[in-house]
Amino acid sequence: MACIKMLAVTANRIEIDEVKVREAAKVGHDWKNPIWRREDGTLAEW
């Protein structure tokens, strides 16, 4: 699993390393919404 560390936080401002964001965007992600079902097998929204 890939993560991007949160950099410096000052008051209401967050600094973002754009190079790291662009590198992560090239890799993409494989996360999908979980499919939740009730006991009777019907789909449940989250």
PDB file of N, CA and C in Angstrom:
ATOM      1  N   MET A   1       0.843  -1.170   0.000  1.00  0.00           N
ATOM      2  CA  MET A   1       0.000   0.000   0.000  1.00  0.00           C
ATOM      3  C   MET A   1       0.892   1.238   0.000  1.00  0.00           C
ATOM      4  N   ALA A   2       0.587   2.161  -0.858  1.00  0.00           N
ATOM      5  CA  ALA A   2       1.364   3.392  -0.955  1.00  0.00           C
ATOM      6  C   ALA A   2       0.683   4.502  -0.169  1.00  0.00           C
ATOM      7  N   CYS A   3       1.478   5.319   0.468  1.00  0.00           N
ATOM      8  CA  CYS A   3       0.964   6.455   1.236  1.00  0.00           C
ATOM      9  C   CYS A   3       1.792   7.688   0.927  1.00  0.00           C
ATOM     10  N   ILE A   4       1.187   8.828   1.078  1.00  0.00           N
ATOM     11  CA  ILE A   4       1.911  10.092   0.964  1.00  0.00           C
ATOM     12  C   ILE A   4       1.875  10.729   2.336  1.00  0.00           C
ATOM     13  N   LYS A   5       3.036  10.998   2.896  1.00  0.00           N
ATOM     14  CA  LYS A   5       3.096  11.614   4.213  1.00  0.00           C
ATOM     15  C   LYS A   5       2.586  13.048   4.148  1.00  0.00           C
ATOM     16  N   MET A   6       1.860  13.437   5.183  1.00  0.00           N
ATOM     17  CA  MET A   6       1.438  14.821   5.284  1.00  0.00           C
ATOM     18  C   MET A   6       2.656  15.631   5.688  1.00  0.00           C
ATOM     19  N   LEU A   7       2.885  16.701   4.993  1.00  0.00           N
ATOM     20  CA  LEU A   7       4.059  17.509   5.257  1.00  0.00           C
ATOM     21  C   LEU A   7       3.814  18.459   6.421  1.00  0.00           C
ATOM     22  N   ALA A   8       4.167  19.686   6.265  1.00  0.00           N
ATOM     23  CA  ALA A   8       4.057  20.658   7.347  1.00  0.00           C
ATOM     24  C   ALA A   8       2.655  21.253   7.436  1.00  0.00           C
ATOM     25  N   VAL A   9       2.180  21.413   8.644  1.00  0.00           N
ATOM     26  CA  VAL A   9       0.886  22.049   8.868  1.00  0.00           C
ATOM     27  C   VAL A   9       1.126  23.279   9.727  1.00  0.00           C
ATOM     28  N   THR A  10       0.754  24.426   9.204  1.00  0.00           N
ATOM     29  CA  THR A  10       0.909  25.666   9.950  1.00  0.00           C
ATOM     30  C   THR A  10      -0.428  26.379   9.982  1.00  0.00           C
ATOM     31  N   ALA A  11      -0.990  26.487  11.158  1.00  0.00           N
ATOM     32  CA  ALA A  11      -2.291  27.127  11.347  1.00  0.00           C
ATOM     33  C   ALA A  11      -3.313  26.482  10.406  1.00  0.00           C
ATOM     34  N   ASN A  12      -3.880  27.262   9.490  1.00  0.00           N
ATOM     35  CA  ASN A  12      -4.884  26.735   8.559  1.00  0.00           C
ATOM     36  C   ASN A  12      -4.279  26.436   7.196  1.00  0.00           C
ATOM     37  N   ARG A  13      -2.992  26.301   7.144  1.00  0.00           N
ATOM     38  CA  ARG A  13      -2.314  26.124   5.858  1.00  0.00           C
ATOM     39  C   ARG A  13      -1.605  24.778   5.808  1.00  0.00           C
ATOM     40  N   ILE A  14      -1.722  24.090   4.701  1.00  0.00           N
ATOM     41  CA  ILE A  14      -1.052  22.812   4.503  1.00  0.00           C
ATOM     42  C   ILE A  14      -0.169  22.928   3.272  1.00  0.00           C
ATOM     43  N   GLU A  15       1.074  22.527   3.405  1.00  0.00           N
ATOM     44  CA  GLU A  15       1.982  22.541   2.261  1.00  0.00           C
ATOM     45  C   GLU A  15       1.955  21.168   1.606  1.00  0.00           C
ATOM     46  N   ILE A  16       1.819  21.157   0.281  1.00  0.00           N
ATOM     47  CA  ILE A  16       1.737  19.905  -0.473  1.00  0.00           C
ATOM     48  C   ILE A  16       2.910  19.822  -1.427  1.00  0.00           C
ATOM     49  N   ASP A  17       3.571  18.683  -1.424  1.00  0.00           N
ATOM     50  CA  ASP A  17       4.693  18.449  -2.329  1.00  0.00           C
ATOM     51  C   ASP A  17       4.106  18.008  -3.671  1.00  0.00           C
ATOM     52  N   GLU A  18       4.006  18.923  -4.613  1.00  0.00           N
ATOM     53  CA  GLU A  18       3.363  18.640  -5.896  1.00  0.00           C
ATOM     54  C   GLU A  18       4.083  17.554  -6.678  1.00  0.00           C
ATOM     55  N   VAL A  19       5.390  17.457  -6.547  1.00  0.00           N
ATOM     56  CA  VAL A  19       6.146  16.412  -7.247  1.00  0.00           C
ATOM     57  C   VAL A  19       5.693  15.038  -6.757  1.00  0.00           C
ATOM     58  N   LYS A  20       5.555  14.884  -5.438  1.00  0.00           N
ATOM     59  CA  LYS A  20       5.093  13.600  -4.873  1.00  0.00           C
ATOM     60  C   LYS A  20       3.672  13.285  -5.337  1.00  0.00           C
ATOM     61  N   VAL A  21       2.821  14.292  -5.394  1.00  0.00           N
ATOM     62  CA  VAL A  21       1.442  14.080  -5.838  1.00  0.00           C
ATOM     63  C   VAL A  21       1.422  13.613  -7.292  1.00  0.00           C
ATOM     64  N   ARG A  22       2.220  14.243  -8.131  1.00  0.00           N
ATOM     65  CA  ARG A  22       2.274  13.853  -9.549  1.00  0.00           C
ATOM     66  C   ARG A  22       2.828  12.433  -9.710  1.00  0.00           C
ATOM     67  N   GLU A  23       3.833  12.070  -8.904  1.00  0.00           N
ATOM     68  CA  GLU A  23       4.379  10.707  -8.956  1.00  0.00           C
ATOM     69  C   GLU A  23       3.315   9.694  -8.545  1.00  0.00           C
ATOM     70  N   ALA A  24       2.581  10.001  -7.490  1.00  0.00           N
ATOM     71  CA  ALA A  24       1.530   9.099  -7.019  1.00  0.00           C
ATOM     72  C   ALA A  24       0.407   8.980  -8.051  1.00  0.00           C
ATOM     73  N   ALA A  25       0.118  10.066  -8.760  1.00  0.00           N
ATOM     74  CA  ALA A  25      -0.942  10.045  -9.775  1.00  0.00           C
ATOM     75  C   ALA A  25      -0.581   9.132 -10.938  1.00  0.00           C
ATOM     76  N   LYS A  26       0.705   8.991 -11.231  1.00  0.00           N
ATOM     77  CA  LYS A  26       1.136   8.104 -12.312  1.00  0.00           C
ATOM     78  C   LYS A  26       0.860   6.645 -11.966  1.00  0.00           C
ATOM     79  N   VAL A  27       0.991   6.313 -10.693  1.00  0.00           N
ATOM     80  CA  VAL A  27       0.778   4.941 -10.241  1.00  0.00           C
ATOM     81  C   VAL A  27      -0.708   4.626 -10.170  1.00  0.00           C
ATOM     82  N   GLY A  28      -1.505   5.606  -9.757  1.00  0.00           N
ATOM     83  CA  GLY A  28      -2.942   5.388  -9.628  1.00  0.00           C
ATOM     84  C   GLY A  28      -3.269   4.628  -8.357  1.00  0.00           C
ATOM     85  N   HIS A  29      -4.454   4.043  -8.312  1.00  0.00           N
ATOM     86  CA  HIS A  29      -4.871   3.282  -7.137  1.00  0.00           C
ATOM     87  C   HIS A  29      -5.759   2.131  -7.582  1.00  0.00           C
ATOM     88  N   ASP A  30      -5.964   1.185  -6.688  1.00  0.00           N
ATOM     89  CA  ASP A  30      -6.837   0.058  -7.023  1.00  0.00           C
ATOM     90  C   ASP A  30      -7.952  -0.095  -5.992  1.00  0.00           C
ATOM     91  N   TRP A  31      -8.241   0.982  -5.256  1.00  0.00           N
ATOM     92  CA  TRP A  31      -9.282   0.935  -4.242  1.00  0.00           C
ATOM     93  C   TRP A  31     -10.651   0.924  -4.891  1.00  0.00           C
ATOM     94  N   LYS A  32     -11.518   0.099  -4.346  1.00  0.00           N
ATOM     95  CA  LYS A  32     -12.893   0.033  -4.834  1.00  0.00           C
ATOM     96  C   LYS A  32     -13.827   0.113  -3.632  1.00  0.00           C
ATOM     97  N   ASN A  33     -15.013   0.641  -3.852  1.00  0.00           N
ATOM     98  CA  ASN A  33     -15.998   0.684  -2.778  1.00  0.00           C
ATOM     99  C   ASN A  33     -16.305  -0.725  -2.307  1.00  0.00           C
ATOM    100  N   PRO A  34     -16.426  -0.925  -0.999  1.00  0.00           N
ATOM    101  CA  PRO A  34     -16.801  -2.247  -0.512  1.00  0.00           C
ATOM    102  C   PRO A  34     -18.250  -2.559  -0.881  1.00  0.00           C
ATOM    103  N   ILE A  35     -18.524  -3.806  -1.108  1.00  0.00           N
ATOM    104  CA  ILE A  35     -19.902  -4.229  -1.382  1.00  0.00           C
ATOM    105  C   ILE A  35     -20.430  -4.849  -0.103  1.00  0.00           C
ATOM    106  N   TRP A  36     -21.351  -4.157   0.531  1.00  0.00           N
ATOM    107  CA  TRP A  36     -21.905  -4.629   1.791  1.00  0.00           C
ATOM    108  C   TRP A  36     -23.256  -5.257   1.536  1.00  0.00           C
ATOM    109  N   ARG A  37     -23.451  -6.401   2.144  1.00  0.00           N
ATOM    110  CA  ARG A  37     -24.731  -7.094   2.008  1.00  0.00           C
ATOM    111  C   ARG A  37     -25.331  -7.351   3.386  1.00  0.00           C
ATOM    112  N   ARG A  38     -26.629  -7.321   3.409  1.00  0.00           N
ATOM    113  CA  ARG A  38     -27.350  -7.645   4.644  1.00  0.00           C
ATOM    114  C   ARG A  38     -27.415  -9.168   4.785  1.00  0.00           C
ATOM    115  N   GLU A  39     -27.935  -9.626   5.923  1.00  0.00           N
ATOM    116  CA  GLU A  39     -28.026 -11.071   6.173  1.00  0.00           C
ATOM    117  C   GLU A  39     -28.819 -11.800   5.097  1.00  0.00           C
ATOM    118  N   ASP A  40     -29.805 -11.113   4.494  1.00  0.00           N
ATOM    119  CA  ASP A  40     -30.623 -11.769   3.476  1.00  0.00           C
ATOM    120  C   ASP A  40     -30.011 -11.678   2.069  1.00  0.00           C
ATOM    121  N   GLY A  41     -28.806 -11.088   1.961  1.00  0.00           N
ATOM    122  CA  GLY A  41     -28.111 -11.033   0.683  1.00  0.00           C
ATOM    123  C   GLY A  41     -28.354  -9.780  -0.121  1.00  0.00           C
ATOM    124  N   THR A  42     -29.277  -8.922   0.317  1.00  0.00           N
ATOM    125  CA  THR A  42     -29.536  -7.688  -0.419  1.00  0.00           C
ATOM    126  C   THR A  42     -28.410  -6.698  -0.191  1.00  0.00           C
ATOM    127  N   LEU A  43     -28.210  -5.799  -1.177  1.00  0.00           N
ATOM    128  CA  LEU A  43     -27.153  -4.801  -1.067  1.00  0.00           C
ATOM    129  C   LEU A  43     -27.489  -3.753  -0.016  1.00  0.00           C
ATOM    130  N   ALA A  44     -26.474  -3.303   0.681  1.00  0.00           N
ATOM    131  CA  ALA A  44     -26.649  -2.245   1.682  1.00  0.00           C
ATOM    132  C   ALA A  44     -25.779  -1.055   1.271  1.00  0.00           C
ATOM    133  N   GLU A  45     -26.348   0.120   1.247  1.00  0.00           N
ATOM    134  CA  GLU A  45     -25.601   1.341   0.961  1.00  0.00           C
ATOM    135  C   GLU A  45     -24.805   1.738   2.175  1.00  0.00           C
ATOM    136  N   TRP A  46     -23.708   2.410   1.964  1.00  0.00           N
ATOM    137  CA  TRP A  46     -22.964   2.934   3.096  1.00  0.00           C
ATOM    138  C   TRP A  46     -22.995   4.395   2.987  1.00  0.00           C
TER     139      TRP A  46
END
